[in-house]
Each structure stands twice: as C-alpha cells, then as structure tokens.
Amino acid sequence: MVRSFMLVLLAALTLASAPDALARRLRGDGKGCYENAQCRSGFCCHGVCAQESACCDAFAGEVQCDVDQCCNTTFGEACCNDGRGFRCADTTSENTNCGGCGNTCTNGQVCRNGSCDCPDGLTLCGAHCVDTDTDRDNCGVCGNVCDGTCTNGVCENKCGDDRWRECTTYPNGITPCCLIGTQCCVGSRDSACCGNGTSCCTSSIGDAYCCPDGYICCGGTKSYPCVPAGSQCPE
C-alpha cells in the first residue's frame, strides 16, 4: 500500500513540474539562448531569443532594415525609405541618397564616394556643372565671361575688338555682333542690338526687333510685331 502511494505521488509531482520545466526551456524575446528550440519564437539570433526577422550582426556594422534586411553600414549602406518602404541604399553611389538618406544630387551632379560631384569633363561653377572648354560664362575657369566664342577654354572674339561681343553664329557662318552694353536680340534668320529703352522681340519667322518700352511683342509674322500696350496684335 505504501509503495503504491509513493508511485502515485511521484507521478503527480512529475506531471505538475512538466509545464514549469517547459516554461524554463522555452524563453521569451531578449532571453539568452543556444539554439532555436529554446525560444518561444523559435528564433535564436546571436545568443538571444528574438522574433523571426533578419539576424543582423551589429559588430560587423549591420543594422536591421524593415523585418527581413540587414544593411551593412561598414560598406556605405543605410536603411532609407524611398516612399515605397524601407530598403538598403548604397549611399556611396545613389544620386537620391548620396552620403545619407534623402540627400539628392542636383544641377547635373552625380554621387561619387558619398559626395555630389560633376561628371567627368565638367566643372562645378556656382551650383551648376559646366564645360569650361566651351561655356562663355565660365571660359577656361569659373567666372571668366567671354564676349566672343569660348574654344578649348580660350575666348575668341570674331567681332574685332573688345567693344563688341558675339551674339551667335548662324549656320552660314555669319556672326552678328553688338556693342557691349546693348542686348543681343537673335532670331533664327536675323538679329538686332537693343539699347536702353527697348526690349527684344522675335517673330515666328525668325526676324528680330527692338520694341520701345511700353510696347508689347506680338511675335507674329507681320513686319512689325510690336504694338503699344493695350493695342491688339495684327492677325
């Protein structure tokens, strides 16, 4: 009788302690672990129970991005939101995330090694990338304004002397010139030099005119496309 009682008591104690043993074995998030079977979530990441997701190694420079990505910051990656969700962006070369999330390269610049820079062959003058070999406002170097043609970074004035500047060069090789201080008014087949009290007006057939102040430019095909303000343009 005593032996039977002891067996029943031992069985009861075993059943009662089984849930406690299971609870001790299945650990919650943040608890130490050696294998997945020890975690309630079934996921052991670097010795700690965690929800099932990307297992990122902080010592290797990784950060978690969303639930299933690890971004390697050591190699220039960052977790950026591009408007459609988070993703790993290469901040060393992406024009829209250059050097950091959301830093966009503009005015013709591209992302190189995490910094916005001009493409090969172009120079950053002010906020824009220009070709100093041909740019008349930055001929040879930034800020060097050329009144003539900029060729290989050197100003060439086809107008004869520094009192005049080139306005354009037409396909037939003719280069109209205007005195410094006047405005070049260039149409597709004709040009004019507009002084003080006038403004440039070009017609739809390529003629250029200087309209007096107070006049409006109609821009039509008539010989005189300027009319006083408030007047009707010829049809």
C-alpha atoms as a PDB file:
ATOM      1  CA  MET A   1       0.000   0.000   0.000  1.00  0.00           C
ATOM      2  CA  VAL A   2       2.810   2.423   0.929  1.00  0.00           C
ATOM      3  CA  ARG A   3       4.694   1.561  -2.279  1.00  0.00           C
ATOM      4  CA  SER A   4       1.620   2.247  -4.421  1.00  0.00           C
ATOM      5  CA  PHE A   5       1.052   5.564  -2.705  1.00  0.00           C
ATOM      6  CA  MET A   6       4.650   6.680  -3.376  1.00  0.00           C
ATOM      7  CA  LEU A   7       4.348   5.803  -7.066  1.00  0.00           C
ATOM      8  CA  VAL A   8       1.156   7.820  -7.415  1.00  0.00           C
ATOM      9  CA  LEU A   9       2.739  10.803  -5.604  1.00  0.00           C
ATOM     10  CA  LEU A  10       5.859  10.681  -7.801  1.00  0.00           C
ATOM     11  CA  ALA A  11       3.741  10.623 -10.965  1.00  0.00           C
ATOM     12  CA  ALA A  12       1.706  13.601  -9.749  1.00  0.00           C
ATOM     13  CA  LEU A  13       4.843  15.597  -8.974  1.00  0.00           C
ATOM     14  CA  THR A  14       6.292  14.777 -12.405  1.00  0.00           C
ATOM     15  CA  LEU A  15       3.148  15.941 -14.193  1.00  0.00           C
ATOM     16  CA  ALA A  16       2.977  19.094 -12.086  1.00  0.00           C
ATOM     17  CA  SER A  17       6.604  20.041 -12.791  1.00  0.00           C
ATOM     18  CA  ALA A  18       6.493  19.332 -16.551  1.00  0.00           C
ATOM     19  CA  PRO A  19       4.889  22.699 -17.552  1.00  0.00           C
ATOM     20  CA  ASP A  20       7.367  24.546 -15.298  1.00  0.00           C
ATOM     21  CA  ALA A  21      10.280  22.797 -16.962  1.00  0.00           C
ATOM     22  CA  LEU A  22       8.856  23.586 -20.417  1.00  0.00           C
ATOM     23  CA  ALA A  23       8.413  27.250 -19.469  1.00  0.00           C
ATOM     24  CA  ARG A  24      12.001  27.416 -18.290  1.00  0.00           C
ATOM     25  CA  ARG A  25      13.212  25.834 -21.528  1.00  0.00           C
ATOM     26  CA  LEU A  26      11.156  28.000 -23.919  1.00  0.00           C
ATOM     27  CA  ARG A  27      12.429  31.525 -23.345  1.00  0.00           C
ATOM     28  CA  GLY A  28      10.878  34.804 -24.421  1.00  0.00           C
ATOM     29  CA  ASP A  29      12.385  37.591 -26.548  1.00  0.00           C
ATOM     30  CA  GLY A  30      15.538  39.094 -25.095  1.00  0.00           C
ATOM     31  CA  LYS A  31      16.427  35.963 -23.120  1.00  0.00           C
ATOM     32  CA  GLY A  32      19.682  34.130 -23.730  1.00  0.00           C
ATOM     33  CA  CYS A  33      19.660  31.002 -25.870  1.00  0.00           C
ATOM     34  CA  TYR A  34      21.917  28.477 -27.574  1.00  0.00           C
ATOM     35  CA  GLU A  35      19.552  27.178 -30.225  1.00  0.00           C
ATOM     36  CA  ASN A  36      16.187  27.967 -31.797  1.00  0.00           C
ATOM     37  CA  ALA A  37      14.453  25.206 -29.839  1.00  0.00           C
ATOM     38  CA  GLN A  38      14.999  27.148 -26.629  1.00  0.00           C
ATOM     39  CA  CYS A  39      12.949  30.195 -27.764  1.00  0.00           C
ATOM     40  CA  ARG A  40       9.178  30.602 -27.757  1.00  0.00           C
ATOM     41  CA  SER A  41       9.522  32.408 -31.080  1.00  0.00           C
ATOM     42  CA  GLY A  42      11.654  29.584 -32.410  1.00  0.00           C
ATOM     43  CA  PHE A  43      14.396  32.062 -33.406  1.00  0.00           C
ATOM     44  CA  CYS A  44      17.755  32.408 -31.664  1.00  0.00           C
ATOM     45  CA  CYS A  45      19.789  35.359 -33.013  1.00  0.00           C
ATOM     46  CA  HIS A  46      23.373  35.711 -31.773  1.00  0.00           C
ATOM     47  CA  GLY A  47      22.520  34.034 -28.460  1.00  0.00           C
ATOM     48  CA  VAL A  48      19.320  35.987 -27.777  1.00  0.00           C
ATOM     49  CA  CYS A  49      15.701  34.951 -28.404  1.00  0.00           C
ATOM     50  CA  ALA A  50      14.008  37.250 -30.909  1.00  0.00           C
ATOM     51  CA  GLN A  51      11.048  37.431 -33.215  1.00  0.00           C
ATOM     52  CA  GLU A  52      11.688  35.830 -36.568  1.00  0.00           C
ATOM     53  CA  SER A  53      13.369  38.504 -38.708  1.00  0.00           C
ATOM     54  CA  ALA A  54      16.709  39.349 -40.239  1.00  0.00           C
ATOM     55  CA  CYS A  55      19.513  38.349 -37.882  1.00  0.00           C
ATOM     56  CA  CYS A  56      21.901  41.320 -38.122  1.00  0.00           C
ATOM     57  CA  ASP A  57      25.403  41.425 -36.687  1.00  0.00           C
ATOM     58  CA  ALA A  58      25.989  44.803 -35.005  1.00  0.00           C
ATOM     59  CA  PHE A  59      29.685  44.048 -34.520  1.00  0.00           C
ATOM     60  CA  ALA A  60      30.029  43.734 -38.316  1.00  0.00           C
ATOM     61  CA  GLY A  61      28.328  47.108 -38.845  1.00  0.00           C
ATOM     62  CA  GLU A  62      24.917  45.705 -39.763  1.00  0.00           C
ATOM     63  CA  VAL A  63      21.632  47.401 -38.898  1.00  0.00           C
ATOM     64  CA  GLN A  64      18.185  45.938 -39.363  1.00  0.00           C
ATOM     65  CA  CYS A  65      16.086  47.456 -42.145  1.00  0.00           C
ATOM     66  CA  ASP A  66      12.398  46.586 -42.152  1.00  0.00           C
ATOM     67  CA  VAL A  67      11.928  42.965 -40.993  1.00  0.00           C
ATOM     68  CA  ASP A  68      13.968  40.986 -43.471  1.00  0.00           C
ATOM     69  CA  GLN A  69      17.051  43.050 -44.398  1.00  0.00           C
ATOM     70  CA  CYS A  70      20.412  43.763 -42.850  1.00  0.00           C
ATOM     71  CA  CYS A  71      22.185  46.895 -44.117  1.00  0.00           C
ATOM     72  CA  ASN A  72      25.970  46.894 -43.879  1.00  0.00           C
ATOM     73  CA  THR A  73      26.976  50.392 -42.759  1.00  0.00           C
ATOM     74  CA  THR A  74      30.663  49.449 -42.997  1.00  0.00           C
ATOM     75  CA  PHE A  75      30.310  49.367 -46.783  1.00  0.00           C
ATOM     76  CA  GLY A  76      28.202  52.537 -47.057  1.00  0.00           C
ATOM     77  CA  GLU A  77      24.702  51.095 -46.843  1.00  0.00           C
ATOM     78  CA  ALA A  78      21.893  52.805 -44.934  1.00  0.00           C
ATOM     79  CA  CYS A  79      18.269  51.938 -44.272  1.00  0.00           C
ATOM     80  CA  CYS A  80      16.318  54.515 -46.304  1.00  0.00           C
ATOM     81  CA  ASN A  81      12.641  54.999 -47.018  1.00  0.00           C
ATOM     82  CA  ASP A  82      12.218  55.655 -50.752  1.00  0.00           C
ATOM     83  CA  GLY A  83       8.480  56.277 -50.448  1.00  0.00           C
ATOM     84  CA  ARG A  84       7.553  52.673 -51.063  1.00  0.00           C
ATOM     85  CA  GLY A  85       9.047  51.282 -47.887  1.00  0.00           C
ATOM     86  CA  PHE A  86      12.427  50.808 -46.281  1.00  0.00           C
ATOM     87  CA  ARG A  87      15.355  49.294 -48.171  1.00  0.00           C
ATOM     88  CA  CYS A  88      19.143  49.179 -48.046  1.00  0.00           C
ATOM     89  CA  ALA A  89      20.524  52.085 -50.088  1.00  0.00           C
ATOM     90  CA  ASP A  90      24.106  52.455 -51.305  1.00  0.00           C
ATOM     91  CA  THR A  91      24.962  55.945 -50.029  1.00  0.00           C
ATOM     92  CA  THR A  92      28.311  55.899 -51.843  1.00  0.00           C
ATOM     93  CA  SER A  93      26.755  55.988 -55.320  1.00  0.00           C
ATOM     94  CA  GLU A  94      22.978  56.639 -55.244  1.00  0.00           C
ATOM     95  CA  ASN A  95      22.073  60.119 -56.535  1.00  0.00           C
ATOM     96  CA  THR A  96      18.971  60.262 -54.327  1.00  0.00           C
ATOM     97  CA  ASN A  97      20.739  59.084 -51.139  1.00  0.00           C
ATOM     98  CA  CYS A  98      24.260  60.454 -51.535  1.00  0.00           C
ATOM     99  CA  GLY A  99      26.161  60.286 -48.249  1.00  0.00           C
ATOM    100  CA  GLY A 100      22.893  59.808 -46.355  1.00  0.00           C
ATOM    101  CA  CYS A 101      19.205  59.111 -46.803  1.00  0.00           C
ATOM    102  CA  GLY A 102      17.350  61.765 -48.816  1.00  0.00           C
ATOM    103  CA  ASN A 103      20.440  63.743 -49.870  1.00  0.00           C
ATOM    104  CA  THR A 104      19.844  64.254 -53.614  1.00  0.00           C
ATOM    105  CA  CYS A 105      22.469  65.396 -56.102  1.00  0.00           C
ATOM    106  CA  THR A 106      21.118  68.167 -58.368  1.00  0.00           C
ATOM    107  CA  ASN A 107      22.193  70.514 -61.188  1.00  0.00           C
ATOM    108  CA  GLY A 108      23.814  67.733 -63.177  1.00  0.00           C
ATOM    109  CA  GLN A 109      25.922  66.389 -60.311  1.00  0.00           C
ATOM    110  CA  VAL A 110      26.334  62.676 -59.618  1.00  0.00           C
ATOM    111  CA  CYS A 111      27.141  60.759 -56.435  1.00  0.00           C
ATOM    112  CA  ARG A 112      30.751  59.627 -56.082  1.00  0.00           C
ATOM    113  CA  ASN A 113      32.080  58.059 -52.889  1.00  0.00           C
ATOM    114  CA  GLY A 114      29.223  59.577 -50.900  1.00  0.00           C
ATOM    115  CA  SER A 115      29.631  63.144 -52.233  1.00  0.00           C
ATOM    116  CA  CYS A 116      27.884  65.030 -55.018  1.00  0.00           C
ATOM    117  CA  ASP A 117      30.298  65.864 -57.814  1.00  0.00           C
ATOM    118  CA  CYS A 118      30.276  66.788 -61.502  1.00  0.00           C
ATOM    119  CA  PRO A 119      30.621  64.099 -64.191  1.00  0.00           C
ATOM    120  CA  ASP A 120      33.993  63.690 -65.871  1.00  0.00           C
ATOM    121  CA  GLY A 121      34.846  66.623 -68.128  1.00  0.00           C
ATOM    122  CA  LEU A 122      32.646  69.126 -66.277  1.00  0.00           C
ATOM    123  CA  THR A 123      33.460  71.648 -63.546  1.00  0.00           C
ATOM    124  CA  LEU A 124      31.244  72.894 -60.719  1.00  0.00           C
ATOM    125  CA  CYS A 125      30.830  76.665 -61.152  1.00  0.00           C
ATOM    126  CA  GLY A 126      28.475  78.035 -58.544  1.00  0.00           C
ATOM    127  CA  ALA A 127      25.704  75.456 -58.358  1.00  0.00           C
ATOM    128  CA  HIS A 128      25.989  74.075 -61.893  1.00  0.00           C
ATOM    129  CA  CYS A 129      28.255  71.690 -63.764  1.00  0.00           C
ATOM    130  CA  VAL A 130      29.663  73.355 -66.881  1.00  0.00           C
ATOM    131  CA  ASP A 131      32.167  72.611 -69.625  1.00  0.00           C
ATOM    132  CA  THR A 132      34.823  75.300 -69.181  1.00  0.00           C
ATOM    133  CA  ASP A 133      36.142  74.473 -72.661  1.00  0.00           C
ATOM    134  CA  THR A 134      33.024  75.911 -74.307  1.00  0.00           C
ATOM    135  CA  ASP A 135      30.959  77.798 -71.689  1.00  0.00           C
ATOM    136  CA  ARG A 136      31.015  81.537 -72.472  1.00  0.00           C
ATOM    137  CA  ASP A 137      30.218  82.497 -68.866  1.00  0.00           C
ATOM    138  CA  ASN A 138      32.971  80.264 -67.482  1.00  0.00           C
ATOM    139  CA  CYS A 139      35.600  80.102 -70.203  1.00  0.00           C
ATOM    140  CA  GLY A 140      38.702  78.283 -69.026  1.00  0.00           C
ATOM    141  CA  VAL A 141      37.872  78.899 -65.362  1.00  0.00           C
ATOM    142  CA  CYS A 142      34.733  79.646 -63.370  1.00  0.00           C
ATOM    143  CA  GLY A 143      33.536  83.241 -63.677  1.00  0.00           C
ATOM    144  CA  ASN A 144      35.562  84.152 -66.763  1.00  0.00           C
ATOM    145  CA  VAL A 145      32.897  85.692 -69.021  1.00  0.00           C
ATOM    146  CA  CYS A 146      33.756  85.575 -72.701  1.00  0.00           C
ATOM    147  CA  ASP A 147      32.254  88.164 -75.057  1.00  0.00           C
ATOM    148  CA  GLY A 148      33.229  86.025 -78.009  1.00  0.00           C
ATOM    149  CA  THR A 149      33.355  82.300 -78.588  1.00  0.00           C
ATOM    150  CA  CYS A 150      34.866  80.010 -75.953  1.00  0.00           C
ATOM    151  CA  THR A 151      37.015  77.401 -77.697  1.00  0.00           C
ATOM    152  CA  ASN A 152      39.142  74.969 -75.683  1.00  0.00           C
ATOM    153  CA  GLY A 153      38.873  77.331 -72.720  1.00  0.00           C
ATOM    154  CA  VAL A 154      40.112  80.368 -74.675  1.00  0.00           C
ATOM    155  CA  CYS A 155      37.999  83.380 -75.701  1.00  0.00           C
ATOM    156  CA  GLU A 156      37.964  84.142 -79.411  1.00  0.00           C
ATOM    157  CA  ASN A 157      36.238  87.387 -80.412  1.00  0.00           C
ATOM    158  CA  LYS A 158      35.177  87.353 -84.067  1.00  0.00           C
ATOM    159  CA  CYS A 159      33.869  90.914 -83.747  1.00  0.00           C
ATOM    160  CA  GLY A 160      37.281  92.524 -83.969  1.00  0.00           C
ATOM    161  CA  ASP A 161      37.810  94.257 -80.621  1.00  0.00           C
ATOM    162  CA  ASP A 162      36.648  94.220 -77.017  1.00  0.00           C
ATOM    163  CA  ARG A 163      33.986  96.914 -77.558  1.00  0.00           C
ATOM    164  CA  TRP A 164      31.872  94.331 -79.371  1.00  0.00           C
ATOM    165  CA  ARG A 165      30.660  90.904 -78.473  1.00  0.00           C
ATOM    166  CA  GLU A 166      29.406  87.983 -80.482  1.00  0.00           C
ATOM    167  CA  CYS A 167      25.669  87.321 -80.333  1.00  0.00           C
ATOM    168  CA  THR A 168      25.566  83.978 -82.134  1.00  0.00           C
ATOM    169  CA  THR A 169      26.881  82.228 -85.203  1.00  0.00           C
ATOM    170  CA  TYR A 170      24.399  81.269 -87.912  1.00  0.00           C
ATOM    171  CA  PRO A 171      24.717  78.080 -89.969  1.00  0.00           C
ATOM    172  CA  ASN A 172      26.017  80.170 -92.897  1.00  0.00           C
ATOM    173  CA  GLY A 173      28.969  81.260 -90.736  1.00  0.00           C
ATOM    174  CA  ILE A 174      27.821  84.850 -90.181  1.00  0.00           C
ATOM    175  CA  THR A 175      28.381  86.113 -86.635  1.00  0.00           C
ATOM    176  CA  PRO A 176      26.307  89.186 -85.683  1.00  0.00           C
ATOM    177  CA  CYS A 177      27.937  91.494 -83.142  1.00  0.00           C
ATOM    178  CA  CYS A 178      26.570  94.041 -80.682  1.00  0.00           C
ATOM    179  CA  LEU A 179      28.282  96.778 -78.704  1.00  0.00           C
ATOM    180  CA  ILE A 180      28.973  95.928 -75.092  1.00  0.00           C
ATOM    181  CA  GLY A 181      26.081  97.320 -73.046  1.00  0.00           C
ATOM    182  CA  THR A 182      23.403  96.513 -75.597  1.00  0.00           C
ATOM    183  CA  GLN A 183      21.249  93.400 -75.680  1.00  0.00           C
ATOM    184  CA  CYS A 184      21.685  90.801 -78.399  1.00  0.00           C
ATOM    185  CA  CYS A 185      18.290  90.082 -79.932  1.00  0.00           C
ATOM    186  CA  VAL A 186      18.638  86.916 -82.015  1.00  0.00           C
ATOM    187  CA  GLY A 187      16.077  85.358 -84.304  1.00  0.00           C
ATOM    188  CA  SER A 188      16.586  82.235 -86.375  1.00  0.00           C
ATOM    189  CA  ARG A 189      17.409  84.295 -89.514  1.00  0.00           C
ATOM    190  CA  ASP A 190      18.021  87.859 -88.280  1.00  0.00           C
ATOM    191  CA  SER A 191      19.405  89.724 -85.276  1.00  0.00           C
ATOM    192  CA  ALA A 192      19.316  93.171 -83.684  1.00  0.00           C
ATOM    193  CA  CYS A 193      21.075  95.092 -80.922  1.00  0.00           C
ATOM    194  CA  CYS A 194      18.641  96.535 -78.368  1.00  0.00           C
ATOM    195  CA  GLY A 195      19.768  99.549 -76.359  1.00  0.00           C
ATOM    196  CA  ASN A 196      18.284 101.315 -73.356  1.00  0.00           C
ATOM    197  CA  GLY A 197      14.557 101.889 -73.570  1.00  0.00           C
ATOM    198  CA  THR A 198      13.960  98.882 -75.790  1.00  0.00           C
ATOM    199  CA  SER A 199      13.474  95.152 -75.412  1.00  0.00           C
ATOM    200  CA  CYS A 200      13.964  92.194 -77.714  1.00  0.00           C
ATOM    201  CA  CYS A 201      11.112  90.744 -79.769  1.00  0.00           C
ATOM    202  CA  THR A 202      11.381  87.942 -82.329  1.00  0.00           C
ATOM    203  CA  SER A 203       8.780  86.947 -84.887  1.00  0.00           C
ATOM    204  CA  SER A 204       7.638  83.438 -85.683  1.00  0.00           C
ATOM    205  CA  ILE A 205       9.523  83.553 -88.994  1.00  0.00           C
ATOM    206  CA  GLY A 206      12.837  84.368 -87.318  1.00  0.00           C
ATOM    207  CA  ASP A 207      13.135  88.159 -87.554  1.00  0.00           C
ATOM    208  CA  ALA A 208      14.438  90.169 -84.588  1.00  0.00           C
ATOM    209  CA  TYR A 209      13.189  93.604 -83.464  1.00  0.00           C
ATOM    210  CA  CYS A 210      13.784  96.025 -80.630  1.00  0.00           C
ATOM    211  CA  CYS A 211      10.444  97.161 -79.227  1.00  0.00           C
ATOM    212  CA  PRO A 212      10.219 100.514 -77.407  1.00  0.00           C
ATOM    213  CA  ASP A 213       9.372 100.412 -73.718  1.00  0.00           C
ATOM    214  CA  GLY A 214       5.617 100.422 -73.252  1.00  0.00           C
ATOM    215  CA  TYR A 215       5.096  98.218 -76.311  1.00  0.00           C
ATOM    216  CA  ILE A 216       4.248  94.543 -76.336  1.00  0.00           C
ATOM    217  CA  CYS A 217       5.740  91.855 -78.536  1.00  0.00           C
ATOM    218  CA  CYS A 218       3.182  90.099 -80.714  1.00  0.00           C
ATOM    219  CA  GLY A 219       5.680  87.654 -82.178  1.00  0.00           C
ATOM    220  CA  GLY A 220       3.658  87.058 -85.303  1.00  0.00           C
ATOM    221  CA  THR A 221       4.708  87.008 -88.953  1.00  0.00           C
ATOM    222  CA  LYS A 222       3.998  90.689 -89.623  1.00  0.00           C
ATOM    223  CA  SER A 223       6.852  93.049 -90.420  1.00  0.00           C
ATOM    224  CA  TYR A 224       6.422  94.956 -87.166  1.00  0.00           C
ATOM    225  CA  PRO A 225       5.468  92.623 -84.309  1.00  0.00           C
ATOM    226  CA  CYS A 226       5.445  95.371 -81.669  1.00  0.00           C
ATOM    227  CA  VAL A 227       2.332  97.319 -80.743  1.00  0.00           C
ATOM    228  CA  PRO A 228       1.604  99.823 -77.944  1.00  0.00           C
ATOM    229  CA  ALA A 229       0.407  98.269 -74.718  1.00  0.00           C
ATOM    230  CA  GLY A 230      -3.371  97.825 -74.807  1.00  0.00           C
ATOM    231  CA  SER A 231      -3.454  97.541 -78.595  1.00  0.00           C
ATOM    232  CA  GLN A 232      -4.445  94.433 -80.467  1.00  0.00           C
ATOM    233  CA  CYS A 233      -1.771  92.461 -82.264  1.00  0.00           C
ATOM    234  CA  PRO A 234      -2.291  92.143 -86.038  1.00  0.00           C
ATOM    235  CA  GLU A 235      -3.629  88.837 -87.190  1.00  0.00           C
END
